[in-house]
Amino acid sequence: RVVEVHRNAFHVVGEGLDEAILPVRNATVGD
């Protein structure tokens, strides 16, 4: 799940995952 949206990065969290990734087109916080 996208928990933070910054200008140049998304912060995503899942099972065993907690990291920053490059933005995904047409996605937003909560996706």
All heavy atoms as atom14 arrays in JSON, in Angstrom:
{
  "sequence": "RVVEVHRNAFHVVGEGLDEAILPVRNATVGD",
  "atom14_mask": [
    [1, 1, 1, 1, 1, 1, 1, 1, 1, 1, 1, 0, 0, 0],
    [1, 1, 1, 1, 1, 1, 1, 0, 0, 0, 0, 0, 0, 0],
    [1, 1, 1, 1, 1, 1, 1, 0, 0, 0, 0, 0, 0, 0],
    [1, 1, 1, 1, 1, 1, 1, 1, 1, 0, 0, 0, 0, 0],
    [1, 1, 1, 1, 1, 1, 1, 0, 0, 0, 0, 0, 0, 0],
    [1, 1, 1, 1, 1, 1, 1, 1, 1, 1, 0, 0, 0, 0],
    [1, 1, 1, 1, 1, 1, 1, 1, 1, 1, 1, 0, 0, 0],
    [1, 1, 1, 1, 1, 1, 1, 1, 0, 0, 0, 0, 0, 0],
    [1, 1, 1, 1, 1, 0, 0, 0, 0, 0, 0, 0, 0, 0],
    [1, 1, 1, 1, 1, 1, 1, 1, 1, 1, 1, 0, 0, 0],
    [1, 1, 1, 1, 1, 1, 1, 1, 1, 1, 0, 0, 0, 0],
    [1, 1, 1, 1, 1, 1, 1, 0, 0, 0, 0, 0, 0, 0],
    [1, 1, 1, 1, 1, 1, 1, 0, 0, 0, 0, 0, 0, 0],
    [1, 1, 1, 1, 0, 0, 0, 0, 0, 0, 0, 0, 0, 0],
    [1, 1, 1, 1, 1, 1, 1, 1, 1, 0, 0, 0, 0, 0],
    [1, 1, 1, 1, 0, 0, 0, 0, 0, 0, 0, 0, 0, 0],
    [1, 1, 1, 1, 1, 1, 1, 1, 0, 0, 0, 0, 0, 0],
    [1, 1, 1, 1, 1, 1, 1, 1, 0, 0, 0, 0, 0, 0],
    [1, 1, 1, 1, 1, 1, 1, 1, 1, 0, 0, 0, 0, 0],
    [1, 1, 1, 1, 1, 0, 0, 0, 0, 0, 0, 0, 0, 0],
    [1, 1, 1, 1, 1, 1, 1, 1, 0, 0, 0, 0, 0, 0],
    [1, 1, 1, 1, 1, 1, 1, 1, 0, 0, 0, 0, 0, 0],
    [1, 1, 1, 1, 1, 1, 1, 0, 0, 0, 0, 0, 0, 0],
    [1, 1, 1, 1, 1, 1, 1, 0, 0, 0, 0, 0, 0, 0],
    [1, 1, 1, 1, 1, 1, 1, 1, 1, 1, 1, 0, 0, 0],
    [1, 1, 1, 1, 1, 1, 1, 1, 0, 0, 0, 0, 0, 0],
    [1, 1, 1, 1, 1, 0, 0, 0, 0, 0, 0, 0, 0, 0],
    [1, 1, 1, 1, 1, 1, 1, 0, 0, 0, 0, 0, 0, 0],
    [1, 1, 1, 1, 1, 1, 1, 0, 0, 0, 0, 0, 0, 0],
    [1, 1, 1, 1, 0, 0, 0, 0, 0, 0, 0, 0, 0, 0],
    [1, 1, 1, 1, 1, 1, 1, 1, 0, 0, 0, 0, 0, 0]
  ],
  "atom14_positions": [
    [[0.85, -1.2, 0.0], [0.0, 0.0, 0.0], [0.88, 1.24, 0.0], [1.9, 1.31, 0.7], [-0.92, 0.02, 1.22], [-2.06, 1.04, 1.04], [-3.16, 0.91, 2.05], [-4.3, 1.72, 1.63], [-5.32, 2.04, 2.41], [-5.39, 1.57, 3.64], [-6.3, 2.8, 1.95], [0.0, 0.0, 0.0], [0.0, 0.0, 0.0], [0.0, 0.0, 0.0]],
    [[0.46, 2.23, -0.78], [1.18, 3.51, -0.82], [0.79, 4.3, 0.43], [-0.37, 4.7, 0.59], [0.83, 4.31, -2.09], [1.6, 5.63, -2.1], [1.12, 3.5, -3.34], [0.0, 0.0, 0.0], [0.0, 0.0, 0.0], [0.0, 0.0, 0.0], [0.0, 0.0, 0.0], [0.0, 0.0, 0.0], [0.0, 0.0, 0.0], [0.0, 0.0, 0.0]],
    [[1.76, 4.54, 1.31], [1.46, 5.25, 2.55], [2.0, 6.67, 2.56], [1.62, 7.47, 3.43], [2.01, 4.47, 3.77], [1.28, 3.15, 3.94], [3.51, 4.24, 3.66], [0.0, 0.0, 0.0], [0.0, 0.0, 0.0], [0.0, 0.0, 0.0], [0.0, 0.0, 0.0], [0.0, 0.0, 0.0], [0.0, 0.0, 0.0], [0.0, 0.0, 0.0]],
    [[2.89, 7.0, 1.64], [3.37, 8.38, 1.51], [3.62, 8.68, 0.04], [4.09, 7.82, -0.71], [4.68, 8.61, 2.28], [4.56, 8.53, 3.78], [5.9, 8.82, 4.46], [6.48, 9.89, 4.17], [6.35, 7.99, 5.25], [0.0, 0.0, 0.0], [0.0, 0.0, 0.0], [0.0, 0.0, 0.0], [0.0, 0.0, 0.0], [0.0, 0.0, 0.0]],
    [[3.3, 9.91, -0.35], [3.57, 10.37, -1.71], [4.43, 11.63, -1.62], [4.01, 12.64, -1.05], [2.27, 10.67, -2.47], [2.57, 11.38, -3.78], [1.5, 9.39, -2.74], [0.0, 0.0, 0.0], [0.0, 0.0, 0.0], [0.0, 0.0, 0.0], [0.0, 0.0, 0.0], [0.0, 0.0, 0.0], [0.0, 0.0, 0.0], [0.0, 0.0, 0.0]],
    [[5.65, 11.53, -2.14], [6.55, 12.67, -2.26], [6.72, 12.99, -3.74], [6.27, 12.25, -4.62], [7.9, 12.36, -1.62], [7.82, 12.11, -0.15], [8.05, 13.08, 0.8], [7.52, 10.97, 0.54], [7.91, 12.58, 2.0], [7.58, 11.29, 1.88], [0.0, 0.0, 0.0], [0.0, 0.0, 0.0], [0.0, 0.0, 0.0], [0.0, 0.0, 0.0]],
    [[7.38, 14.08, -4.02], [7.54, 14.52, -5.41], [8.24, 13.47, -6.26], [7.85, 13.23, -7.41], [8.31, 15.84, -5.45], [8.44, 16.43, -6.86], [9.23, 17.72, -6.82], [8.58, 18.72, -5.99], [7.64, 19.55, -6.42], [7.23, 19.5, -7.68], [7.09, 20.44, -5.6], [0.0, 0.0, 0.0], [0.0, 0.0, 0.0], [0.0, 0.0, 0.0]],
    [[9.27, 12.84, -5.71], [10.08, 11.92, -6.51], [10.09, 10.49, -5.99], [10.91, 9.68, -6.44], [11.53, 12.44, -6.58], [11.63, 13.79, -7.25], [11.05, 13.99, -8.32], [12.32, 14.72, -6.63], [0.0, 0.0, 0.0], [0.0, 0.0, 0.0], [0.0, 0.0, 0.0], [0.0, 0.0, 0.0], [0.0, 0.0, 0.0], [0.0, 0.0, 0.0]],
    [[9.21, 10.17, -5.07], [9.22, 8.81, -4.52], [7.9, 8.49, -3.83], [7.19, 9.39, -3.36], [10.37, 8.64, -3.53], [0.0, 0.0, 0.0], [0.0, 0.0, 0.0], [0.0, 0.0, 0.0], [0.0, 0.0, 0.0], [0.0, 0.0, 0.0], [0.0, 0.0, 0.0], [0.0, 0.0, 0.0], [0.0, 0.0, 0.0], [0.0, 0.0, 0.0]],
    [[7.56, 7.2, -3.81], [6.47, 6.68, -3.02], [7.07, 5.86, -1.88], [8.1, 5.22, -2.03], [5.58, 5.73, -3.85], [4.65, 6.4, -4.81], [4.58, 7.78, -4.93], [3.81, 5.63, -5.61], [3.71, 8.38, -5.82], [2.93, 6.22, -6.5], [2.88, 7.6, -6.62], [0.0, 0.0, 0.0], [0.0, 0.0, 0.0], [0.0, 0.0, 0.0]],
    [[6.39, 5.87, -0.74], [6.74, 4.96, 0.35], [5.64, 3.9, 0.39], [4.47, 4.23, 0.52], [6.81, 5.72, 1.66], [7.22, 4.88, 2.83], [7.31, 5.38, 4.11], [7.55, 3.56, 2.94], [7.68, 4.43, 4.94], [7.83, 3.31, 4.25], [0.0, 0.0, 0.0], [0.0, 0.0, 0.0], [0.0, 0.0, 0.0], [0.0, 0.0, 0.0]],
    [[6.04, 2.63, 0.25], [5.08, 1.53, 0.22], [5.37, 0.57, 1.36], [6.52, 0.39, 1.78], [5.1, 0.78, -1.13], [4.72, 1.72, -2.26], [6.46, 0.15, -1.4], [0.0, 0.0, 0.0], [0.0, 0.0, 0.0], [0.0, 0.0, 0.0], [0.0, 0.0, 0.0], [0.0, 0.0, 0.0], [0.0, 0.0, 0.0], [0.0, 0.0, 0.0]],
    [[4.29, -0.06, 1.86], [4.4, -1.02, 2.95], [3.58, -2.24, 2.62], [2.46, -2.13, 2.11], [3.92, -0.4, 4.29], [3.99, -1.42, 5.41], [4.74, 0.82, 4.65], [0.0, 0.0, 0.0], [0.0, 0.0, 0.0], [0.0, 0.0, 0.0], [0.0, 0.0, 0.0], [0.0, 0.0, 0.0], [0.0, 0.0, 0.0], [0.0, 0.0, 0.0]],
    [[4.12, -3.4, 2.91], [3.41, -4.67, 2.74], [3.98, -5.7, 3.67], [4.69, -5.36, 4.63], [0.0, 0.0, 0.0], [0.0, 0.0, 0.0], [0.0, 0.0, 0.0], [0.0, 0.0, 0.0], [0.0, 0.0, 0.0], [0.0, 0.0, 0.0], [0.0, 0.0, 0.0], [0.0, 0.0, 0.0], [0.0, 0.0, 0.0], [0.0, 0.0, 0.0]],
    [[3.71, -6.96, 3.44], [4.27, -8.01, 4.28], [5.77, -8.12, 4.02], [6.2, -8.48, 2.91], [3.58, -9.35, 3.96], [4.24, -10.55, 4.61], [4.44, -10.39, 6.11], [3.59, -9.75, 6.76], [5.45, -10.89, 6.61], [0.0, 0.0, 0.0], [0.0, 0.0, 0.0], [0.0, 0.0, 0.0], [0.0, 0.0, 0.0], [0.0, 0.0, 0.0]],
    [[6.58, -7.77, 5.03], [8.02, -7.83, 4.89], [8.59, -6.75, 4.0], [9.77, -6.82, 3.63], [0.0, 0.0, 0.0], [0.0, 0.0, 0.0], [0.0, 0.0, 0.0], [0.0, 0.0, 0.0], [0.0, 0.0, 0.0], [0.0, 0.0, 0.0], [0.0, 0.0, 0.0], [0.0, 0.0, 0.0], [0.0, 0.0, 0.0], [0.0, 0.0, 0.0]],
    [[7.79, -5.76, 3.63], [8.23, -4.68, 2.74], [7.94, -3.33, 3.38], [6.83, -3.1, 3.88], [7.51, -4.77, 1.39], [7.84, -5.99, 0.52], [6.82, -6.14, -0.59], [9.23, -5.86, -0.06], [0.0, 0.0, 0.0], [0.0, 0.0, 0.0], [0.0, 0.0, 0.0], [0.0, 0.0, 0.0], [0.0, 0.0, 0.0], [0.0, 0.0, 0.0]],
    [[8.93, -2.47, 3.39], [8.78, -1.14, 3.97], [9.87, -0.28, 3.34], [10.98, -0.19, 3.85], [8.94, -1.21, 5.49], [8.58, 0.1, 6.18], [8.49, 1.13, 5.48], [8.38, 0.09, 7.41], [0.0, 0.0, 0.0], [0.0, 0.0, 0.0], [0.0, 0.0, 0.0], [0.0, 0.0, 0.0], [0.0, 0.0, 0.0], [0.0, 0.0, 0.0]],
    [[9.58, 0.33, 2.19], [10.65, 0.96, 1.44], [10.14, 2.08, 0.53], [8.94, 2.23, 0.32], [11.38, -0.08, 0.59], [10.48, -0.78, -0.42], [11.15, -1.99, -1.06], [11.43, -2.97, -0.34], [11.38, -1.93, -2.29], [0.0, 0.0, 0.0], [0.0, 0.0, 0.0], [0.0, 0.0, 0.0], [0.0, 0.0, 0.0], [0.0, 0.0, 0.0]],
    [[11.09, 2.84, -0.01], [10.79, 3.88, -0.99], [11.0, 3.33, -2.38], [11.93, 2.57, -2.62], [11.68, 5.09, -0.77], [0.0, 0.0, 0.0], [0.0, 0.0, 0.0], [0.0, 0.0, 0.0], [0.0, 0.0, 0.0], [0.0, 0.0, 0.0], [0.0, 0.0, 0.0], [0.0, 0.0, 0.0], [0.0, 0.0, 0.0], [0.0, 0.0, 0.0]],
    [[10.08, 3.69, -3.3], [10.21, 3.27, -4.69], [9.99, 4.48, -5.58], [9.47, 5.52, -5.13], [9.2, 2.17, -5.06], [7.76, 2.72, -4.97], [9.37, 0.94, -4.18], [6.7, 1.77, -5.52], [0.0, 0.0, 0.0], [0.0, 0.0, 0.0], [0.0, 0.0, 0.0], [0.0, 0.0, 0.0], [0.0, 0.0, 0.0], [0.0, 0.0, 0.0]],
    [[10.36, 4.36, -6.83], [10.06, 5.42, -7.79], [8.54, 5.5, -7.98], [7.84, 4.48, -7.88], [10.74, 5.14, -9.13], [12.27, 5.25, -9.14], [12.82, 4.8, -10.49], [12.7, 6.68, -8.84], [0.0, 0.0, 0.0], [0.0, 0.0, 0.0], [0.0, 0.0, 0.0], [0.0, 0.0, 0.0], [0.0, 0.0, 0.0], [0.0, 0.0, 0.0]],
    [[7.99, 6.68, -8.26], [6.54, 6.83, -8.38], [5.94, 5.93, -9.46], [6.56, 5.66, -10.49], [6.37, 8.31, -8.73], [7.58, 8.97, -8.2], [8.7, 7.97, -8.39], [0.0, 0.0, 0.0], [0.0, 0.0, 0.0], [0.0, 0.0, 0.0], [0.0, 0.0, 0.0], [0.0, 0.0, 0.0], [0.0, 0.0, 0.0], [0.0, 0.0, 0.0]],
    [[4.72, 5.49, -9.21], [3.95, 4.7, -10.16], [2.92, 5.61, -10.81], [2.17, 6.31, -10.12], [3.24, 3.52, -9.47], [2.4, 2.73, -10.46], [4.28, 2.62, -8.8], [0.0, 0.0, 0.0], [0.0, 0.0, 0.0], [0.0, 0.0, 0.0], [0.0, 0.0, 0.0], [0.0, 0.0, 0.0], [0.0, 0.0, 0.0], [0.0, 0.0, 0.0]],
    [[2.87, 5.62, -12.12], [1.98, 6.53, -12.85], [0.52, 6.25, -12.5], [0.08, 5.11, -12.38], [2.19, 6.35, -14.36], [1.52, 7.41, -15.22], [1.99, 7.29, -16.65], [1.41, 8.31, -17.49], [0.27, 8.15, -18.18], [-0.37, 7.01, -18.11], [-0.2, 9.13, -18.92], [0.0, 0.0, 0.0], [0.0, 0.0, 0.0], [0.0, 0.0, 0.0]],
    [[-0.23, 7.33, -12.31], [-1.66, 7.26, -12.02], [-1.97, 6.56, -10.69], [-3.05, 6.01, -10.51], [-2.43, 6.57, -13.15], [-2.39, 7.36, -14.44], [-2.37, 8.59, -14.42], [-2.37, 6.67, -15.57], [0.0, 0.0, 0.0], [0.0, 0.0, 0.0], [0.0, 0.0, 0.0], [0.0, 0.0, 0.0], [0.0, 0.0, 0.0], [0.0, 0.0, 0.0]],
    [[-1.03, 6.59, -9.76], [-1.27, 6.07, -8.41], [-1.2, 7.22, -7.42], [-0.63, 8.28, -7.7], [-0.25, 5.0, -8.06], [0.0, 0.0, 0.0], [0.0, 0.0, 0.0], [0.0, 0.0, 0.0], [0.0, 0.0, 0.0], [0.0, 0.0, 0.0], [0.0, 0.0, 0.0], [0.0, 0.0, 0.0], [0.0, 0.0, 0.0], [0.0, 0.0, 0.0]],
    [[-1.78, 7.01, -6.24], [-1.78, 8.05, -5.23], [-1.74, 7.4, -3.85], [-1.77, 6.17, -3.73], [-3.03, 8.95, -5.38], [-2.93, 10.06, -4.46], [-4.31, 8.19, -5.07], [0.0, 0.0, 0.0], [0.0, 0.0, 0.0], [0.0, 0.0, 0.0], [0.0, 0.0, 0.0], [0.0, 0.0, 0.0], [0.0, 0.0, 0.0], [0.0, 0.0, 0.0]],
    [[-1.67, 8.22, -2.82], [-1.62, 7.68, -1.46], [-2.9, 6.88, -1.18], [-3.99, 7.28, -1.57], [-1.44, 8.83, -0.44], [-2.66, 9.76, -0.4], [-1.16, 8.28, 0.95], [0.0, 0.0, 0.0], [0.0, 0.0, 0.0], [0.0, 0.0, 0.0], [0.0, 0.0, 0.0], [0.0, 0.0, 0.0], [0.0, 0.0, 0.0], [0.0, 0.0, 0.0]],
    [[-2.73, 5.74, -0.53], [-3.87, 4.87, -0.23], [-4.06, 3.77, -1.26], [-4.8, 2.8, -1.0], [0.0, 0.0, 0.0], [0.0, 0.0, 0.0], [0.0, 0.0, 0.0], [0.0, 0.0, 0.0], [0.0, 0.0, 0.0], [0.0, 0.0, 0.0], [0.0, 0.0, 0.0], [0.0, 0.0, 0.0], [0.0, 0.0, 0.0], [0.0, 0.0, 0.0]],
    [[-3.43, 3.87, -2.41], [-3.56, 2.84, -3.45], [-2.89, 1.55, -3.02], [-1.89, 1.55, -2.28], [-2.93, 3.32, -4.77], [-3.94, 3.95, -5.7], [-5.08, 3.47, -5.76], [-3.59, 4.93, -6.39], [0.0, 0.0, 0.0], [0.0, 0.0, 0.0], [0.0, 0.0, 0.0], [0.0, 0.0, 0.0], [0.0, 0.0, 0.0], [0.0, 0.0, 0.0]]
  ]
}
